Amino acid sequence: MRKKITLGTVAIVSGVLALSGVANAGGGAPTKVTIEGTGNVFGYVESTKKSCMNDRKVTVFKQKGAKGGSDDKKVASDNASKSGDKYIWDVGNPGIQGKFYARAGAIPGCAADNSPSVRTGRV
């Protein structure tokens, strides 16, 4: 006996496939970027995948408004390297005061992340 595939079944299967594609298009393995410092600005890159941490480029921005945005100024960047059991990045002292955040952009298999903003860079 042949079973009929209903329009509803096709819609459900299509929806599931679309959702799984959206999840994968989101950038891969989760990444977390932290930022600290009142002189030197540094932080860590964390992920479940080593390839998402080792040599990962992190860019530091000076925040202009209440939230990060496209008009924020790029201050410096560094690539994370292994230090003990963590992956650290360090851009040194930016020589300016203000609110800063760090960003690791998406790379193949790894999601992007922005750190929380911190007031730092006091010289």
PDB file of N, CA and C in Angstrom:
ATOM      1  N   MET A   1       0.840  -1.167   0.000  1.00  0.00           N
ATOM      2  CA  MET A   1       0.000   0.000   0.000  1.00  0.00           C
ATOM      3  C   MET A   1       0.894   1.243   0.000  1.00  0.00           C
ATOM      4  N   ARG A   2       0.543   2.167  -0.830  1.00  0.00           N
ATOM      5  CA  ARG A   2       1.305   3.404  -0.963  1.00  0.00           C
ATOM      6  C   ARG A   2       0.752   4.468  -0.034  1.00  0.00           C
ATOM      7  N   LYS A   3       1.636   5.150   0.696  1.00  0.00           N
ATOM      8  CA  LYS A   3       1.188   6.191   1.620  1.00  0.00           C
ATOM      9  C   LYS A   3       1.275   7.539   0.925  1.00  0.00           C
ATOM     10  N   LYS A   4       0.316   8.384   1.249  1.00  0.00           N
ATOM     11  CA  LYS A   4       0.312   9.734   0.696  1.00  0.00           C
ATOM     12  C   LYS A   4       1.141  10.651   1.579  1.00  0.00           C
ATOM     13  N   ILE A   5       1.905  11.473   0.925  1.00  0.00           N
ATOM     14  CA  ILE A   5       2.631  12.505   1.663  1.00  0.00           C
ATOM     15  C   ILE A   5       1.773  13.755   1.575  1.00  0.00           C
ATOM     16  N   THR A   6       1.372  14.211   2.715  1.00  0.00           N
ATOM     17  CA  THR A   6       0.502  15.380   2.738  1.00  0.00           C
ATOM     18  C   THR A   6       1.301  16.660   2.643  1.00  0.00           C
ATOM     19  N   LEU A   7       0.623  17.702   2.270  1.00  0.00           N
ATOM     20  CA  LEU A   7       1.247  19.017   2.195  1.00  0.00           C
ATOM     21  C   LEU A   7       1.772  19.434   3.560  1.00  0.00           C
ATOM     22  N   GLY A   8       1.067  19.065   4.616  1.00  0.00           N
ATOM     23  CA  GLY A   8       1.503  19.389   5.975  1.00  0.00           C
ATOM     24  C   GLY A   8       2.824  18.717   6.322  1.00  0.00           C
ATOM     25  N   THR A   9       3.006  17.460   5.921  1.00  0.00           N
ATOM     26  CA  THR A   9       4.254  16.743   6.179  1.00  0.00           C
ATOM     27  C   THR A   9       5.413  17.413   5.459  1.00  0.00           C
ATOM     28  N   VAL A  10       5.189  17.793   4.210  1.00  0.00           N
ATOM     29  CA  VAL A  10       6.226  18.469   3.439  1.00  0.00           C
ATOM     30  C   VAL A  10       6.595  19.787   4.116  1.00  0.00           C
ATOM     31  N   ALA A  11       5.599  20.514   4.603  1.00  0.00           N
ATOM     32  CA  ALA A  11       5.851  21.801   5.258  1.00  0.00           C
ATOM     33  C   ALA A  11       6.669  21.611   6.534  1.00  0.00           C
ATOM     34  N   ILE A  12       6.359  20.573   7.309  1.00  0.00           N
ATOM     35  CA  ILE A  12       7.084  20.310   8.551  1.00  0.00           C
ATOM     36  C   ILE A  12       8.534  19.943   8.252  1.00  0.00           C
ATOM     37  N   VAL A  13       8.752  19.041   7.300  1.00  0.00           N
ATOM     38  CA  VAL A  13      10.110  18.632   6.953  1.00  0.00           C
ATOM     39  C   VAL A  13      10.896  19.823   6.406  1.00  0.00           C
ATOM     40  N   SER A  14      10.280  20.630   5.573  1.00  0.00           N
ATOM     41  CA  SER A  14      10.950  21.812   5.024  1.00  0.00           C
ATOM     42  C   SER A  14      11.320  22.788   6.137  1.00  0.00           C
ATOM     43  N   GLY A  15      10.416  22.960   7.098  1.00  0.00           N
ATOM     44  CA  GLY A  15      10.690  23.866   8.216  1.00  0.00           C
ATOM     45  C   GLY A  15      11.865  23.398   9.054  1.00  0.00           C
ATOM     46  N   VAL A  16      11.924  22.099   9.323  1.00  0.00           N
ATOM     47  CA  VAL A  16      13.028  21.543  10.104  1.00  0.00           C
ATOM     48  C   VAL A  16      14.343  21.734   9.364  1.00  0.00           C
ATOM     49  N   LEU A  17      14.367  21.465   8.069  1.00  0.00           N
ATOM     50  CA  LEU A  17      15.581  21.646   7.285  1.00  0.00           C
ATOM     51  C   LEU A  17      15.996  23.107   7.239  1.00  0.00           C
ATOM     52  N   ALA A  18      15.042  23.997   7.114  1.00  0.00           N
ATOM     53  CA  ALA A  18      15.351  25.430   7.075  1.00  0.00           C
ATOM     54  C   ALA A  18      15.943  25.888   8.395  1.00  0.00           C
ATOM     55  N   LEU A  19      15.360  25.425   9.510  1.00  0.00           N
ATOM     56  CA  LEU A  19      15.880  25.814  10.821  1.00  0.00           C
ATOM     57  C   LEU A  19      17.284  25.293  11.051  1.00  0.00           C
ATOM     58  N   SER A  20      17.566  24.078  10.617  1.00  0.00           N
ATOM     59  CA  SER A  20      18.913  23.545  10.800  1.00  0.00           C
ATOM     60  C   SER A  20      19.903  24.317   9.946  1.00  0.00           C
ATOM     61  N   GLY A  21      19.504  24.768   8.771  1.00  0.00           N
ATOM     62  CA  GLY A  21      20.360  25.591   7.929  1.00  0.00           C
ATOM     63  C   GLY A  21      20.620  26.935   8.562  1.00  0.00           C
ATOM     64  N   VAL A  22      19.615  27.528   9.193  1.00  0.00           N
ATOM     65  CA  VAL A  22      19.789  28.824   9.851  1.00  0.00           C
ATOM     66  C   VAL A  22      20.762  28.689  11.012  1.00  0.00           C
ATOM     67  N   ALA A  23      20.652  27.600  11.769  1.00  0.00           N
ATOM     68  CA  ALA A  23      21.561  27.411  12.893  1.00  0.00           C
ATOM     69  C   ALA A  23      23.004  27.295  12.410  1.00  0.00           C
ATOM     70  N   ASN A  24      23.223  26.551  11.319  1.00  0.00           N
ATOM     71  CA  ASN A  24      24.580  26.407  10.801  1.00  0.00           C
ATOM     72  C   ASN A  24      25.083  27.691  10.168  1.00  0.00           C
ATOM     73  N   ALA A  25      24.194  28.463   9.574  1.00  0.00           N
ATOM     74  CA  ALA A  25      24.595  29.722   8.950  1.00  0.00           C
ATOM     75  C   ALA A  25      24.989  30.742  10.013  1.00  0.00           C
ATOM     76  N   GLY A  26      24.620  30.491  11.275  1.00  0.00           N
ATOM     77  CA  GLY A  26      24.926  31.415  12.359  1.00  0.00           C
ATOM     78  C   GLY A  26      26.396  31.491  12.697  1.00  0.00           C
ATOM     79  N   GLY A  27      27.238  30.607  12.182  1.00  0.00           N
ATOM     80  CA  GLY A  27      28.655  30.776  12.371  1.00  0.00           C
ATOM     81  C   GLY A  27      29.403  29.635  13.015  1.00  0.00           C
ATOM     82  N   GLY A  28      28.795  28.517  13.323  1.00  0.00           N
ATOM     83  CA  GLY A  28      29.552  27.390  13.842  1.00  0.00           C
ATOM     84  C   GLY A  28      29.676  27.380  15.353  1.00  0.00           C
ATOM     85  N   ALA A  29      30.837  26.908  15.820  1.00  0.00           N
ATOM     86  CA  ALA A  29      31.058  26.715  17.258  1.00  0.00           C
ATOM     87  C   ALA A  29      30.977  28.040  18.008  1.00  0.00           C
ATOM     88  N   PRO A  30      30.312  28.040  19.143  1.00  0.00           N
ATOM     89  CA  PRO A  30      30.217  29.265  19.943  1.00  0.00           C
ATOM     90  C   PRO A  30      31.602  29.770  20.352  1.00  0.00           C
ATOM     91  N   THR A  31      31.733  31.083  20.385  1.00  0.00           N
ATOM     92  CA  THR A  31      32.976  31.742  20.781  1.00  0.00           C
ATOM     93  C   THR A  31      32.642  32.778  21.837  1.00  0.00           C
ATOM     94  N   LYS A  32      33.516  32.937  22.818  1.00  0.00           N
ATOM     95  CA  LYS A  32      33.340  33.969  23.839  1.00  0.00           C
ATOM     96  C   LYS A  32      34.617  34.784  23.907  1.00  0.00           C
ATOM     97  N   VAL A  33      34.457  36.115  23.880  1.00  0.00           N
ATOM     98  CA  VAL A  33      35.594  37.025  23.987  1.00  0.00           C
ATOM     99  C   VAL A  33      35.424  37.851  25.253  1.00  0.00           C
ATOM    100  N   THR A  34      36.504  37.975  26.031  1.00  0.00           N
ATOM    101  CA  THR A  34      36.483  38.799  27.238  1.00  0.00           C
ATOM    102  C   THR A  34      37.457  39.958  27.065  1.00  0.00           C
ATOM    103  N   ILE A  35      37.295  40.986  27.887  1.00  0.00           N
ATOM    104  CA  ILE A  35      38.196  42.138  27.875  1.00  0.00           C
ATOM    105  C   ILE A  35      38.402  42.610  29.310  1.00  0.00           C
ATOM    106  N   GLU A  36      39.628  43.018  29.633  1.00  0.00           N
ATOM    107  CA  GLU A  36      39.958  43.538  30.958  1.00  0.00           C
ATOM    108  C   GLU A  36      41.044  44.583  30.828  1.00  0.00           C
ATOM    109  N   GLY A  37      41.309  45.258  31.928  1.00  0.00           N
ATOM    110  CA  GLY A  37      42.454  46.137  31.990  1.00  0.00           C
ATOM    111  C   GLY A  37      42.094  47.571  32.307  1.00  0.00           C
ATOM    112  N   THR A  38      42.991  48.238  32.994  1.00  0.00           N
ATOM    113  CA  THR A  38      42.870  49.679  33.215  1.00  0.00           C
ATOM    114  C   THR A  38      44.068  50.386  32.621  1.00  0.00           C
ATOM    115  N   GLY A  39      45.085  49.647  32.255  1.00  0.00           N
ATOM    116  CA  GLY A  39      46.261  50.157  31.565  1.00  0.00           C
ATOM    117  C   GLY A  39      46.379  49.387  30.271  1.00  0.00           C
ATOM    118  N   ASN A  40      47.003  48.205  30.366  1.00  0.00           N
ATOM    119  CA  ASN A  40      47.027  47.316  29.208  1.00  0.00           C
ATOM    120  C   ASN A  40      45.649  46.702  29.017  1.00  0.00           C
ATOM    121  N   VAL A  41      45.231  46.626  27.769  1.00  0.00           N
ATOM    122  CA  VAL A  41      43.928  46.050  27.439  1.00  0.00           C
ATOM    123  C   VAL A  41      44.175  44.648  26.884  1.00  0.00           C
ATOM    124  N   PHE A  42      43.567  43.661  27.520  1.00  0.00           N
ATOM    125  CA  PHE A  42      43.768  42.267  27.139  1.00  0.00           C
ATOM    126  C   PHE A  42      42.506  41.474  27.447  1.00  0.00           C
ATOM    127  N   GLY A  43      42.501  40.232  27.049  1.00  0.00           N
ATOM    128  CA  GLY A  43      41.373  39.360  27.340  1.00  0.00           C
ATOM    129  C   GLY A  43      41.643  37.962  26.816  1.00  0.00           C
ATOM    130  N   TYR A  44      40.574  37.181  26.758  1.00  0.00           N
ATOM    131  CA  TYR A  44      40.691  35.782  26.382  1.00  0.00           C
ATOM    132  C   TYR A  44      39.654  35.435  25.322  1.00  0.00           C
ATOM    133  N   VAL A  45      39.981  34.415  24.528  1.00  0.00           N
ATOM    134  CA  VAL A  45      39.041  33.831  23.571  1.00  0.00           C
ATOM    135  C   VAL A  45      38.763  32.424  24.062  1.00  0.00           C
ATOM    136  N   GLU A  46      37.483  32.094  24.178  1.00  0.00           N
ATOM    137  CA  GLU A  46      37.080  30.769  24.657  1.00  0.00           C
ATOM    138  C   GLU A  46      36.143  30.123  23.636  1.00  0.00           C
ATOM    139  N   SER A  47      36.274  28.822  23.465  1.00  0.00           N
ATOM    140  CA  SER A  47      35.410  28.061  22.571  1.00  0.00           C
ATOM    141  C   SER A  47      35.572  26.580  22.877  1.00  0.00           C
ATOM    142  N   THR A  48      34.667  25.794  22.352  1.00  0.00           N
ATOM    143  CA  THR A  48      34.778  24.339  22.485  1.00  0.00           C
ATOM    144  C   THR A  48      35.744  23.772  21.446  1.00  0.00           C
ATOM    145  N   LYS A  49      36.101  24.582  20.441  1.00  0.00           N
ATOM    146  CA  LYS A  49      37.016  24.152  19.382  1.00  0.00           C
ATOM    147  C   LYS A  49      38.330  24.918  19.481  1.00  0.00           C
ATOM    148  N   LYS A  50      39.441  24.189  19.521  1.00  0.00           N
ATOM    149  CA  LYS A  50      40.759  24.817  19.585  1.00  0.00           C
ATOM    150  C   LYS A  50      40.978  25.743  18.394  1.00  0.00           C
ATOM    151  N   SER A  51      40.516  25.345  17.210  1.00  0.00           N
ATOM    152  CA  SER A  51      40.726  26.160  16.011  1.00  0.00           C
ATOM    153  C   SER A  51      39.981  27.486  16.074  1.00  0.00           C
ATOM    154  N   CYS A  52      39.021  27.613  16.982  1.00  0.00           N
ATOM    155  CA  CYS A  52      38.297  28.880  17.159  1.00  0.00           C
ATOM    156  C   CYS A  52      39.023  29.822  18.110  1.00  0.00           C
ATOM    157  N   MET A  53      40.062  29.330  18.777  1.00  0.00           N
ATOM    158  CA  MET A  53      40.794  30.144  19.751  1.00  0.00           C
ATOM    159  C   MET A  53      42.210  30.448  19.288  1.00  0.00           C
ATOM    160  N   ASN A  54      42.928  29.422  18.834  1.00  0.00           N
ATOM    161  CA  ASN A  54      44.340  29.584  18.495  1.00  0.00           C
ATOM    162  C   ASN A  54      44.519  30.506  17.298  1.00  0.00           C
ATOM    163  N   ASP A  55      45.295  31.567  17.479  1.00  0.00           N
ATOM    164  CA  ASP A  55      45.613  32.543  16.432  1.00  0.00           C
ATOM    165  C   ASP A  55      44.377  33.313  15.948  1.00  0.00           C
ATOM    166  N   ARG A  56      43.345  33.380  16.790  1.00  0.00           N
ATOM    167  CA  ARG A  56      42.101  34.090  16.433  1.00  0.00           C
ATOM    168  C   ARG A  56      42.316  35.592  16.540  1.00  0.00           C
ATOM    169  N   LYS A  57      41.998  36.310  15.484  1.00  0.00           N
ATOM    170  CA  LYS A  57      42.155  37.765  15.484  1.00  0.00           C
ATOM    171  C   LYS A  57      41.062  38.404  16.340  1.00  0.00           C
ATOM    172  N   VAL A  58      41.492  39.281  17.243  1.00  0.00           N
ATOM    173  CA  VAL A  58      40.584  40.039  18.102  1.00  0.00           C
ATOM    174  C   VAL A  58      40.861  41.521  17.865  1.00  0.00           C
ATOM    175  N   THR A  59      39.813  42.277  17.594  1.00  0.00           N
ATOM    176  CA  THR A  59      39.931  43.710  17.345  1.00  0.00           C
ATOM    177  C   THR A  59      39.291  44.468  18.496  1.00  0.00           C
ATOM    178  N   VAL A  60      39.979  45.502  18.978  1.00  0.00           N
ATOM    179  CA  VAL A  60      39.466  46.336  20.072  1.00  0.00           C
ATOM    180  C   VAL A  60      38.932  47.632  19.479  1.00  0.00           C
ATOM    181  N   PHE A  61      37.727  48.005  19.911  1.00  0.00           N
ATOM    182  CA  PHE A  61      37.063  49.220  19.448  1.00  0.00           C
ATOM    183  C   PHE A  61      36.830  50.168  20.613  1.00  0.00           C
ATOM    184  N   LYS A  62      36.956  51.463  20.353  1.00  0.00           N
ATOM    185  CA  LYS A  62      36.539  52.486  21.311  1.00  0.00           C
ATOM    186  C   LYS A  62      35.084  52.789  20.996  1.00  0.00           C
ATOM    187  N   GLN A  63      34.250  52.606  21.997  1.00  0.00           N
ATOM    188  CA  GLN A  63      32.808  52.762  21.836  1.00  0.00           C
ATOM    189  C   GLN A  63      32.441  54.241  21.866  1.00  0.00           C
ATOM    190  N   LYS A  64      31.667  54.702  20.871  1.00  0.00           N
ATOM    191  CA  LYS A  64      31.277  56.114  20.814  1.00  0.00           C
ATOM    192  C   LYS A  64      29.951  56.392  21.505  1.00  0.00           C
ATOM    193  N   GLY A  65      28.975  55.512  21.359  1.00  0.00           N
ATOM    194  CA  GLY A  65      27.656  55.743  21.942  1.00  0.00           C
ATOM    195  C   GLY A  65      27.397  54.845  23.130  1.00  0.00           C
ATOM    196  N   ALA A  66      26.112  54.759  23.508  1.00  0.00           N
ATOM    197  CA  ALA A  66      25.723  53.920  24.641  1.00  0.00           C
ATOM    198  C   ALA A  66      25.903  52.438  24.321  1.00  0.00           C
ATOM    199  N   LYS A  67      25.768  52.072  23.047  1.00  0.00           N
ATOM    200  CA  LYS A  67      25.956  50.693  22.605  1.00  0.00           C
ATOM    201  C   LYS A  67      26.958  50.695  21.460  1.00  0.00           C
ATOM    202  N   GLY A  68      27.616  49.563  21.243  1.00  0.00           N
ATOM    203  CA  GLY A  68      28.553  49.463  20.128  1.00  0.00           C
ATOM    204  C   GLY A  68      27.840  49.644  18.803  1.00  0.00           C
ATOM    205  N   GLY A  69      28.529  50.223  17.848  1.00  0.00           N
ATOM    206  CA  GLY A  69      27.926  50.447  16.544  1.00  0.00           C
ATOM    207  C   GLY A  69      28.962  50.633  15.461  1.00  0.00           C
ATOM    208  N   SER A  70      28.483  50.868  14.250  1.00  0.00           N
ATOM    209  CA  SER A  70      29.374  50.958  13.095  1.00  0.00           C
ATOM    210  C   SER A  70      30.269  52.193  13.125  1.00  0.00           C
ATOM    211  N   ASP A  71      29.942  53.177  13.951  1.00  0.00           N
ATOM    212  CA  ASP A  71      30.773  54.381  14.017  1.00  0.00           C
ATOM    213  C   ASP A  71      31.867  54.286  15.084  1.00  0.00           C
ATOM    214  N   ASP A  72      31.979  53.144  15.761  1.00  0.00           N
ATOM    215  CA  ASP A  72      33.024  52.963  16.764  1.00  0.00           C
ATOM    216  C   ASP A  72      34.395  52.924  16.084  1.00  0.00           C
ATOM    217  N   LYS A  73      35.405  53.379  16.797  1.00  0.00           N
ATOM    218  CA  LYS A  73      36.751  53.507  16.244  1.00  0.00           C
ATOM    219  C   LYS A  73      37.603  52.286  16.574  1.00  0.00           C
ATOM    220  N   LYS A  74      38.198  51.697  15.535  1.00  0.00           N
ATOM    221  CA  LYS A  74      39.125  50.584  15.745  1.00  0.00           C
ATOM    222  C   LYS A  74      40.379  51.139  16.396  1.00  0.00           C
ATOM    223  N   VAL A  75      40.782  50.520  17.514  1.00  0.00           N
ATOM    224  CA  VAL A  75      41.939  50.988  18.267  1.00  0.00           C
ATOM    225  C   VAL A  75      43.161  50.119  17.980  1.00  0.00           C
ATOM    226  N   ALA A  76      42.994  48.812  18.025  1.00  0.00           N
ATOM    227  CA  ALA A  76      44.119  47.894  17.851  1.00  0.00           C
ATOM    228  C   ALA A  76      43.589  46.482  17.644  1.00  0.00           C
ATOM    229  N   SER A  77      44.471  45.581  17.276  1.00  0.00           N
ATOM    230  CA  SER A  77      44.085  44.168  17.175  1.00  0.00           C
ATOM    231  C   SER A  77      45.278  43.293  17.533  1.00  0.00           C
ATOM    232  N   ASP A  78      44.960  42.059  17.883  1.00  0.00           N
ATOM    233  CA  ASP A  78      45.973  41.071  18.222  1.00  0.00           C
ATOM    234  C   ASP A  78      45.395  39.698  17.927  1.00  0.00           C
ATOM    235  N   ASN A  79      46.269  38.719  17.762  1.00  0.00           N
ATOM    236  CA  ASN A  79      45.824  37.343  17.595  1.00  0.00           C
ATOM    237  C   ASN A  79      46.028  36.598  18.907  1.00  0.00           C
ATOM    238  N   ALA A  80      45.038  35.821  19.301  1.00  0.00           N
ATOM    239  CA  ALA A  80      45.106  35.072  20.556  1.00  0.00           C
ATOM    240  C   ALA A  80      46.156  33.966  20.453  1.00  0.00           C
ATOM    241  N   SER A  81      46.870  33.773  21.540  1.00  0.00           N
ATOM    242  CA  SER A  81      47.851  32.692  21.599  1.00  0.00           C
ATOM    243  C   SER A  81      47.716  31.963  22.926  1.00  0.00           C
ATOM    244  N   LYS A  82      48.130  30.711  22.909  1.00  0.00           N
ATOM    245  CA  LYS A  82      47.973  29.863  24.088  1.00  0.00           C
ATOM    246  C   LYS A  82      48.906  30.311  25.210  1.00  0.00           C
ATOM    247  N   SER A  83      48.330  30.440  26.400  1.00  0.00           N
ATOM    248  CA  SER A  83      49.081  30.766  27.601  1.00  0.00           C
ATOM    249  C   SER A  83      48.541  29.869  28.702  1.00  0.00           C
ATOM    250  N   GLY A  84      49.278  28.828  29.040  1.00  0.00           N
ATOM    251  CA  GLY A  84      48.757  27.833  29.982  1.00  0.00           C
ATOM    252  C   GLY A  84      47.639  27.064  29.309  1.00  0.00           C
ATOM    253  N   ASP A  85      46.454  27.074  29.929  1.00  0.00           N
ATOM    254  CA  ASP A  85      45.312  26.381  29.332  1.00  0.00           C
ATOM    255  C   ASP A  85      44.310  27.351  28.716  1.00  0.00           C
ATOM    256  N   LYS A  86      44.711  28.627  28.533  1.00  0.00           N
ATOM    257  CA  LYS A  86      43.825  29.641  27.960  1.00  0.00           C
ATOM    258  C   LYS A  86      44.459  30.257  26.718  1.00  0.00           C
ATOM    259  N   TYR A  87      43.640  30.978  25.967  1.00  0.00           N
ATOM    260  CA  TYR A  87      44.108  31.684  24.779  1.00  0.00           C
ATOM    261  C   TYR A  87      43.925  33.177  25.019  1.00  0.00           C
ATOM    262  N   ILE A  88      45.055  33.901  25.128  1.00  0.00           N
ATOM    263  CA  ILE A  88      45.046  35.303  25.514  1.00  0.00           C
ATOM    264  C   ILE A  88      45.391  36.192  24.311  1.00  0.00           C
ATOM    265  N   TRP A  89      44.799  37.370  24.317  1.00  0.00           N
ATOM    266  CA  TRP A  89      45.182  38.430  23.377  1.00  0.00           C
ATOM    267  C   TRP A  89      45.515  39.657  24.221  1.00  0.00           C
ATOM    268  N   ASP A  90      46.379  40.538  23.713  1.00  0.00           N
ATOM    269  CA  ASP A  90      46.818  41.706  24.478  1.00  0.00           C
ATOM    270  C   ASP A  90      47.234  42.794  23.497  1.00  0.00           C
ATOM    271  N   VAL A  91      46.576  43.937  23.552  1.00  0.00           N
ATOM    272  CA  VAL A  91      46.912  45.047  22.645  1.00  0.00           C
ATOM    273  C   VAL A  91      47.725  46.128  23.343  1.00  0.00           C
ATOM    274  N   GLY A  92      48.107  45.912  24.585  1.00  0.00           N
ATOM    275  CA  GLY A  92      48.893  46.898  25.315  1.00  0.00           C
ATOM    276  C   GLY A  92      48.031  48.065  25.770  1.00  0.00           C
ATOM    277  N   ASN A  93      48.677  49.187  26.031  1.00  0.00           N
ATOM    278  CA  ASN A  93      47.985  50.384  26.511  1.00  0.00           C
ATOM    279  C   ASN A  93      47.553  51.219  25.305  1.00  0.00           C
ATOM    280  N   PRO A  94      46.244  51.456  25.135  1.00  0.00           N
ATOM    281  CA  PRO A  94      45.788  52.217  23.965  1.00  0.00           C
ATOM    282  C   PRO A  94      46.144  53.701  24.031  1.00  0.00           C
ATOM    283  N   GLY A  95      46.547  54.193  25.195  1.00  0.00           N
ATOM    284  CA  GLY A  95      46.933  55.587  25.331  1.00  0.00           C
ATOM    285  C   GLY A  95      45.774  56.562  25.365  1.00  0.00           C
ATOM    286  N   ILE A  96      44.570  56.062  25.375  1.00  0.00           N
ATOM    287  CA  ILE A  96      43.368  56.902  25.448  1.00  0.00           C
ATOM    288  C   ILE A  96      42.410  56.303  26.466  1.00  0.00           C
ATOM    289  N   GLN A  97      41.546  57.141  27.005  1.00  0.00           N
ATOM    290  CA  GLN A  97      40.546  56.671  27.962  1.00  0.00           C
ATOM    291  C   GLN A  97      39.217  56.505  27.256  1.00  0.00           C
ATOM    292  N   GLY A  98      38.362  55.686  27.834  1.00  0.00           N
ATOM    293  CA  GLY A  98      37.017  55.540  27.301  1.00  0.00           C
ATOM    294  C   GLY A  98      36.458  54.155  27.530  1.00  0.00           C
ATOM    295  N   LYS A  99      35.369  53.887  26.820  1.00  0.00           N
ATOM    296  CA  LYS A  99      34.746  52.565  26.859  1.00  0.00           C
ATOM    297  C   LYS A  99      35.233  51.777  25.658  1.00  0.00           C
ATOM    298  N   PHE A 100      35.612  50.544  25.919  1.00  0.00           N
ATOM    299  CA  PHE A 100      36.166  49.689  24.881  1.00  0.00           C
ATOM    300  C   PHE A 100      35.453  48.338  24.898  1.00  0.00           C
ATOM    301  N   TYR A 101      35.461  47.688  23.741  1.00  0.00           N
ATOM    302  CA  TYR A 101      35.018  46.298  23.655  1.00  0.00           C
ATOM    303  C   TYR A 101      35.877  45.584  22.635  1.00  0.00           C
ATOM    304  N   ALA A 102      35.924  44.274  22.725  1.00  0.00           N
ATOM    305  CA  ALA A 102      36.710  43.446  21.822  1.00  0.00           C
ATOM    306  C   ALA A 102      35.761  42.629  20.950  1.00  0.00           C
ATOM    307  N   ARG A 103      36.178  42.384  19.716  1.00  0.00           N
ATOM    308  CA  ARG A 103      35.379  41.592  18.783  1.00  0.00           C
ATOM    309  C   ARG A 103      36.247  40.560  18.090  1.00  0.00           C
ATOM    310  N   ALA A 104      35.765  39.323  18.096  1.00  0.00           N
ATOM    311  CA  ALA A 104      36.340  38.259  17.272  1.00  0.00           C
ATOM    312  C   ALA A 104      35.312  38.004  16.178  1.00  0.00           C
ATOM    313  N   GLY A 105      35.651  38.308  14.954  1.00  0.00           N
ATOM    314  CA  GLY A 105      34.728  38.099  13.843  1.00  0.00           C
ATOM    315  C   GLY A 105      34.543  36.624  13.549  1.00  0.00           C
ATOM    316  N   ALA A 106      33.496  36.309  12.818  1.00  0.00           N
ATOM    317  CA  ALA A 106      33.241  34.925  12.430  1.00  0.00           C
ATOM    318  C   ALA A 106      34.321  34.452  11.466  1.00  0.00           C
ATOM    319  N   ILE A 107      34.731  33.220  11.637  1.00  0.00           N
ATOM    320  CA  ILE A 107      35.631  32.556  10.704  1.00  0.00           C
ATOM    321  C   ILE A 107      34.994  31.201  10.396  1.00  0.00           C
ATOM    322  N   PRO A 108      35.417  30.511   9.348  1.00  0.00           N
ATOM    323  CA  PRO A 108      34.781  29.231   9.015  1.00  0.00           C
ATOM    324  C   PRO A 108      34.741  28.277  10.205  1.00  0.00           C
ATOM    325  N   GLY A 109      33.546  27.856  10.558  1.00  0.00           N
ATOM    326  CA  GLY A 109      33.334  26.916  11.657  1.00  0.00           C
ATOM    327  C   GLY A 109      33.259  27.532  13.039  1.00  0.00           C
ATOM    328  N   CYS A 110      33.413  28.871  13.134  1.00  0.00           N
ATOM    329  CA  CYS A 110      33.449  29.533  14.441  1.00  0.00           C
ATOM    330  C   CYS A 110      32.587  30.793  14.421  1.00  0.00           C
ATOM    331  N   ALA A 111      31.743  30.948  15.424  1.00  0.00           N
ATOM    332  CA  ALA A 111      30.863  32.108  15.519  1.00  0.00           C
ATOM    333  C   ALA A 111      31.641  33.344  15.956  1.00  0.00           C
ATOM    334  N   ALA A 112      31.078  34.507  15.661  1.00  0.00           N
ATOM    335  CA  ALA A 112      31.637  35.787  16.102  1.00  0.00           C
ATOM    336  C   ALA A 112      31.166  36.077  17.522  1.00  0.00           C
ATOM    337  N   ASP A 113      31.863  36.994  18.201  1.00  0.00           N
ATOM    338  CA  ASP A 113      31.419  37.437  19.516  1.00  0.00           C
ATOM    339  C   ASP A 113      32.000  38.802  19.823  1.00  0.00           C
ATOM    340  N   ASN A 114      31.240  39.605  20.548  1.00  0.00           N
ATOM    341  CA  ASN A 114      31.700  40.867  21.113  1.00  0.00           C
ATOM    342  C   ASN A 114      31.765  40.704  22.624  1.00  0.00           C
ATOM    343  N   SER A 115      32.806  41.252  23.222  1.00  0.00           N
ATOM    344  CA  SER A 115      32.890  41.252  24.680  1.00  0.00           C
ATOM    345  C   SER A 115      31.933  42.311  25.217  1.00  0.00           C
ATOM    346  N   PRO A 116      31.634  42.269  26.502  1.00  0.00           N
ATOM    347  CA  PRO A 116      30.939  43.406  27.115  1.00  0.00           C
ATOM    348  C   PRO A 116      31.865  44.624  27.048  1.00  0.00           C
ATOM    349  N   SER A 117      31.299  45.805  27.137  1.00  0.00           N
ATOM    350  CA  SER A 117      32.095  47.036  27.157  1.00  0.00           C
ATOM    351  C   SER A 117      32.651  47.272  28.553  1.00  0.00           C
ATOM    352  N   VAL A 118      33.877  47.798  28.597  1.00  0.00           N
ATOM    353  CA  VAL A 118      34.500  48.162  29.862  1.00  0.00           C
ATOM    354  C   VAL A 118      35.100  49.556  29.736  1.00  0.00           C
ATOM    355  N   ARG A 119      35.118  50.283  30.831  1.00  0.00           N
ATOM    356  CA  ARG A 119      35.792  51.572  30.859  1.00  0.00           C
ATOM    357  C   ARG A 119      37.228  51.294  31.252  1.00  0.00           C
ATOM    358  N   THR A 120      38.128  51.648  30.373  1.00  0.00           N
ATOM    359  CA  THR A 120      39.526  51.279  30.579  1.00  0.00           C
ATOM    360  C   THR A 120      40.425  52.210  29.789  1.00  0.00           C
ATOM    361  N   GLY A 121      41.679  51.845  29.671  1.00  0.00           N
ATOM    362  CA  GLY A 121      42.624  52.620  28.901  1.00  0.00           C
ATOM    363  C   GLY A 121      43.176  53.817  29.645  1.00  0.00           C
ATOM    364  N   ARG A 122      43.033  53.864  30.962  1.00  0.00           N
ATOM    365  CA  ARG A 122      43.570  54.981  31.722  1.00  0.00           C
ATOM    366  C   ARG A 122      45.093  54.945  31.676  1.00  0.00           C
ATOM    367  N   VAL A 123      45.675  56.087  31.391  1.00  0.00           N
ATOM    368  CA  VAL A 123      47.141  56.134  31.270  1.00  0.00           C
ATOM    369  C   VAL A 123      47.741  56.886  32.440  1.00  0.00           C
TER     370      VAL A 123
END
